[in-house]
């Protein structure tokens, strides 16, 4: 019987980014996905869930997803995994980007492990496949639990929309290709948590997302 993933979404930063506390029900071991900021809110969610955080996962390097990662890593004394190394320039420039957007105290971060296509990530007894899905950013990754039919997609795909590509390193054609060649083939029953807004399924987006028609 495969372990069951559980997730709590914690909206953080003025961008209302979906930081996700993701854990394995069997072991109560957890990961914090995309801690963009508001660390007190994230730590309260960890306490409420009664889980033990073993790592931080980053889907990409933008400020609203990674701005709090360095401080949370220091506080929890856990490693950071992801994104793909192509987002290194974004992670290196987090302090400047934060200042530009009025987000104080963001620190540059170098992950303990970069993620590449074909890698796997574990959270307790859960295993996630890594898909490199450039377009929103050069190093965006998606984490997929094939057993649980569940994915963390960052800002690659949203309910009714797709990631913006007008930021440095963005590429709309690459983004649509990533979605059509890597996410849609996962199957219509796969549910996902995006980086902003409500959850959805691959099937719902295949049918109704105007960007995928």
Protein backbone atom coordinates (compact mmCIF):
# COMPACT_ATOMS: atom_id res chain seq x y z
CA UNK A 1 0.00 0.00 0.00
CA UNK A 2 1.70 3.23 -1.09
CA UNK A 3 2.02 6.01 1.45
CA UNK A 4 -0.51 8.82 1.24
CA UNK A 5 0.66 12.38 0.67
CA UNK A 6 -1.00 15.14 2.65
CA UNK A 7 -0.67 18.84 1.92
CA UNK A 8 -1.49 22.15 3.56
CA UNK A 9 -1.37 25.29 1.42
CA UNK A 10 0.00 28.40 3.17
CA UNK A 11 -0.43 31.58 1.10
CA UNK A 12 2.65 33.77 1.65
CA UNK A 13 4.06 37.13 0.53
CA UNK A 14 2.08 39.97 -1.10
CA UNK A 15 1.93 37.71 -4.18
CA UNK A 16 -0.22 35.16 -2.26
CA UNK A 17 2.10 32.37 -3.34
CA UNK A 18 1.04 28.83 -2.43
CA UNK A 19 3.77 27.65 -0.09
CA UNK A 20 2.92 23.98 0.50
CA UNK A 21 3.61 21.88 3.56
CA UNK A 22 3.79 18.41 2.04
CA UNK A 23 4.03 15.32 4.21
CA UNK A 24 3.91 11.55 4.28
CA UNK A 25 1.00 10.38 6.40
CA UNK A 26 2.78 7.15 7.38
CA UNK A 27 5.96 8.75 8.73
CA UNK A 28 4.87 12.35 9.50
CA UNK A 29 8.03 13.45 7.64
CA UNK A 30 7.49 16.64 5.64
CA UNK A 31 8.91 19.07 3.12
CA UNK A 32 8.22 22.78 2.78
CA UNK A 33 7.72 23.60 -0.90
CA UNK A 34 8.51 27.17 -2.00
CA UNK A 35 8.85 29.14 1.25
CA UNK A 36 8.68 32.60 -0.29
CA UNK A 37 8.35 34.44 3.02
CA UNK A 38 6.07 34.85 6.07
CA UNK A 39 8.07 32.20 7.92
CA UNK A 40 6.06 32.62 11.12
CA UNK A 41 2.97 31.50 9.20
CA UNK A 42 4.85 28.53 7.74
CA UNK A 43 6.18 27.46 11.14
CA UNK A 44 2.70 27.70 12.65
CA UNK A 45 1.41 25.35 9.94
CA UNK A 46 4.23 22.89 10.69
CA UNK A 47 3.30 22.91 14.39
CA UNK A 48 -0.39 22.50 13.63
CA UNK A 49 0.23 19.51 11.35
CA UNK A 50 2.48 17.85 13.92
CA UNK A 51 5.07 16.88 11.33
CA UNK A 52 8.87 16.82 11.19
CA UNK A 53 10.33 18.81 8.28
CA UNK A 54 13.24 16.99 6.63
CA UNK A 55 13.87 19.29 3.64
CA UNK A 56 12.90 22.38 1.69
CA UNK A 57 11.96 21.98 -1.98
CA UNK A 58 12.09 24.81 -4.54
CA UNK A 59 10.19 24.60 -7.82
CA UNK A 60 11.97 27.69 -9.20
CA UNK A 61 13.99 30.72 -8.22
CA UNK A 62 11.54 33.63 -8.19
CA UNK A 63 11.37 35.82 -5.09
CA UNK A 64 7.81 34.85 -4.07
CA UNK A 65 8.82 31.17 -4.06
CA UNK A 66 12.39 31.26 -2.76
CA UNK A 67 12.73 34.50 -0.80
CA UNK A 68 12.42 32.85 2.60
CA UNK A 69 14.33 29.66 1.84
CA UNK A 70 17.70 30.69 3.30
CA UNK A 71 16.22 31.82 6.62
CA UNK A 72 13.99 28.74 6.88
CA UNK A 73 16.94 26.45 6.11
CA UNK A 74 18.93 28.12 8.90
CA UNK A 75 16.02 27.89 11.34
CA UNK A 76 15.12 24.26 10.65
CA UNK A 77 18.66 23.04 9.85
CA UNK A 78 17.47 21.06 6.82
CA UNK A 79 18.78 20.79 3.23
CA UNK A 80 17.32 22.59 0.23
CA UNK A 81 16.64 20.61 -2.96
CA UNK A 82 15.79 22.20 -6.32
CA UNK A 83 15.24 23.84 -8.60
CA UNK A 84 17.22 23.06 -11.77
CA UNK A 85 20.62 24.74 -11.96
CA UNK A 86 19.41 26.98 -14.79
CA UNK A 87 17.74 29.13 -12.11
CA UNK A 88 21.03 29.84 -10.31
CA UNK A 89 21.08 33.49 -11.50
CA UNK A 90 17.61 34.03 -10.00
CA UNK A 91 18.63 32.53 -6.64
CA UNK A 92 21.88 34.54 -6.60
CA UNK A 93 19.98 37.79 -7.12
CA UNK A 94 17.17 37.29 -4.57
CA UNK A 95 18.31 40.20 -2.35
CA UNK A 96 18.16 42.66 -5.25
CA UNK A 97 14.89 41.26 -6.56
CA UNK A 98 13.37 41.41 -3.09
CA UNK A 99 14.39 45.03 -2.69
CA UNK A 100 12.85 45.88 -6.05
CA UNK A 101 9.52 44.32 -5.01
CA UNK A 102 9.51 45.70 -1.47
CA UNK A 103 10.25 42.32 0.14
CA UNK A 104 12.82 42.93 2.87
CA UNK A 105 15.46 40.50 4.05
CA UNK A 106 15.51 38.05 1.14
CA UNK A 107 18.85 36.23 0.97
CA UNK A 108 20.61 34.52 -1.90
CA UNK A 109 20.61 30.75 -1.61
CA UNK A 110 22.52 27.87 -3.16
CA UNK A 111 20.59 24.59 -2.89
CA UNK A 112 22.26 21.59 -1.31
CA UNK A 113 21.08 19.63 -4.35
CA UNK A 114 20.15 20.86 -7.81
CA UNK A 115 17.43 18.82 -9.51
CA UNK A 116 17.46 17.54 -13.09
CA UNK A 117 15.04 15.70 -15.36
CA UNK A 118 14.78 12.08 -14.23
CA UNK A 119 15.87 12.68 -10.62
CA UNK A 120 13.66 11.61 -7.75
CA UNK A 121 12.89 13.39 -4.49
CA UNK A 122 11.70 11.66 -1.33
CA UNK A 123 9.52 12.96 1.49
CA UNK A 124 9.21 10.27 4.15
CA UNK A 125 8.07 7.18 2.25
CA UNK A 126 6.82 9.24 -0.71
CA UNK A 127 8.75 9.44 -3.97
CA UNK A 128 8.38 12.24 -6.52
CA UNK A 129 9.73 12.22 -10.07
CA UNK A 130 11.41 15.44 -11.20
CA UNK A 131 10.38 16.98 -14.52
CA UNK A 132 12.41 19.94 -15.82
CA UNK A 133 9.76 22.28 -17.25
CA UNK A 134 11.40 25.51 -18.47
CA UNK A 135 9.41 28.46 -19.77
CA UNK A 136 8.20 30.42 -16.74
CA UNK A 137 11.81 30.35 -15.61
CA UNK A 138 14.75 28.47 -17.14
CA UNK A 139 15.07 26.10 -14.17
CA UNK A 140 11.45 25.41 -13.20
CA UNK A 141 10.79 21.87 -12.02
CA UNK A 142 7.59 19.90 -11.41
CA UNK A 143 7.41 17.16 -8.76
CA UNK A 144 5.11 14.22 -9.54
CA UNK A 145 3.96 11.36 -7.32
CA UNK A 146 2.83 8.78 -9.86
CA UNK A 147 1.53 6.47 -7.11
CA UNK A 148 -0.65 9.16 -5.56
CA UNK A 149 -1.58 10.83 -8.89
CA UNK A 150 -0.48 14.19 -7.52
CA UNK A 151 1.93 16.94 -8.60
CA UNK A 152 3.47 20.18 -7.37
CA UNK A 153 3.77 22.31 -10.50
CA UNK A 154 5.05 25.67 -9.25
CA UNK A 155 4.19 28.43 -11.74
CA UNK A 156 4.21 26.22 -14.83
CA UNK A 157 0.44 25.62 -14.92
CA UNK A 158 -2.54 27.14 -13.10
CA UNK A 159 -6.26 26.56 -13.07
CA UNK A 160 -7.34 28.28 -16.27
CA UNK A 161 -3.96 29.82 -17.00
CA UNK A 162 -0.23 29.23 -17.39
CA UNK A 163 2.88 30.82 -15.93
CA UNK A 164 3.82 34.30 -17.04
CA UNK A 165 6.78 34.50 -19.41
CA UNK A 166 7.50 38.24 -19.45
CA UNK A 167 10.12 38.00 -16.69
CA UNK A 168 13.87 37.54 -17.40
CA UNK A 169 14.47 34.04 -18.77
CA UNK A 170 10.81 33.51 -19.63
CA UNK A 171 9.91 31.75 -22.90
CA UNK A 172 6.25 31.23 -23.77
CA UNK A 173 6.85 28.65 -26.50
CA UNK A 174 9.07 26.64 -24.15
CA UNK A 175 6.43 26.84 -21.42
CA UNK A 176 3.63 25.52 -23.63
CA UNK A 177 5.95 22.77 -24.87
CA UNK A 178 6.78 21.79 -21.28
CA UNK A 179 3.09 21.55 -20.42
CA UNK A 180 2.09 19.63 -23.54
CA UNK A 181 5.02 17.19 -23.61
CA UNK A 182 5.53 16.61 -19.87
CA UNK A 183 2.41 17.48 -17.88
CA UNK A 184 -0.53 16.52 -20.10
CA UNK A 185 0.85 12.97 -20.63
CA UNK A 186 0.76 12.38 -16.85
CA UNK A 187 -2.96 11.60 -17.15
CA UNK A 188 -6.23 13.43 -16.64
CA UNK A 189 -6.67 12.09 -13.10
CA UNK A 190 -3.51 13.75 -11.77
CA UNK A 191 -4.38 16.54 -9.32
CA UNK A 192 -1.95 19.42 -8.83
CA UNK A 193 -1.14 22.29 -6.53
CA UNK A 194 0.01 25.34 -8.50
CA UNK A 195 2.16 28.20 -7.26
CA UNK A 196 -0.83 30.55 -7.02
CA UNK A 197 -4.60 30.16 -6.88
CA UNK A 198 -6.81 27.08 -6.61
CA UNK A 199 -5.86 23.46 -7.24
CA UNK A 200 -6.92 21.64 -10.40
CA UNK A 201 -6.40 18.45 -12.38
CA UNK A 202 -4.58 17.76 -15.64
CA UNK A 203 -7.89 16.68 -17.19
CA UNK A 204 -9.67 19.89 -16.22
CA UNK A 205 -6.90 21.98 -17.79
CA UNK A 206 -6.75 19.85 -20.93
CA UNK A 207 -10.48 20.52 -21.46
CA UNK A 208 -10.86 24.13 -20.39
CA UNK A 209 -7.52 25.96 -20.20
CA UNK A 210 -7.56 28.56 -23.02
CA UNK A 211 -3.76 28.48 -23.32
CA UNK A 212 -3.77 24.76 -24.19
CA UNK A 213 -6.37 24.74 -26.93
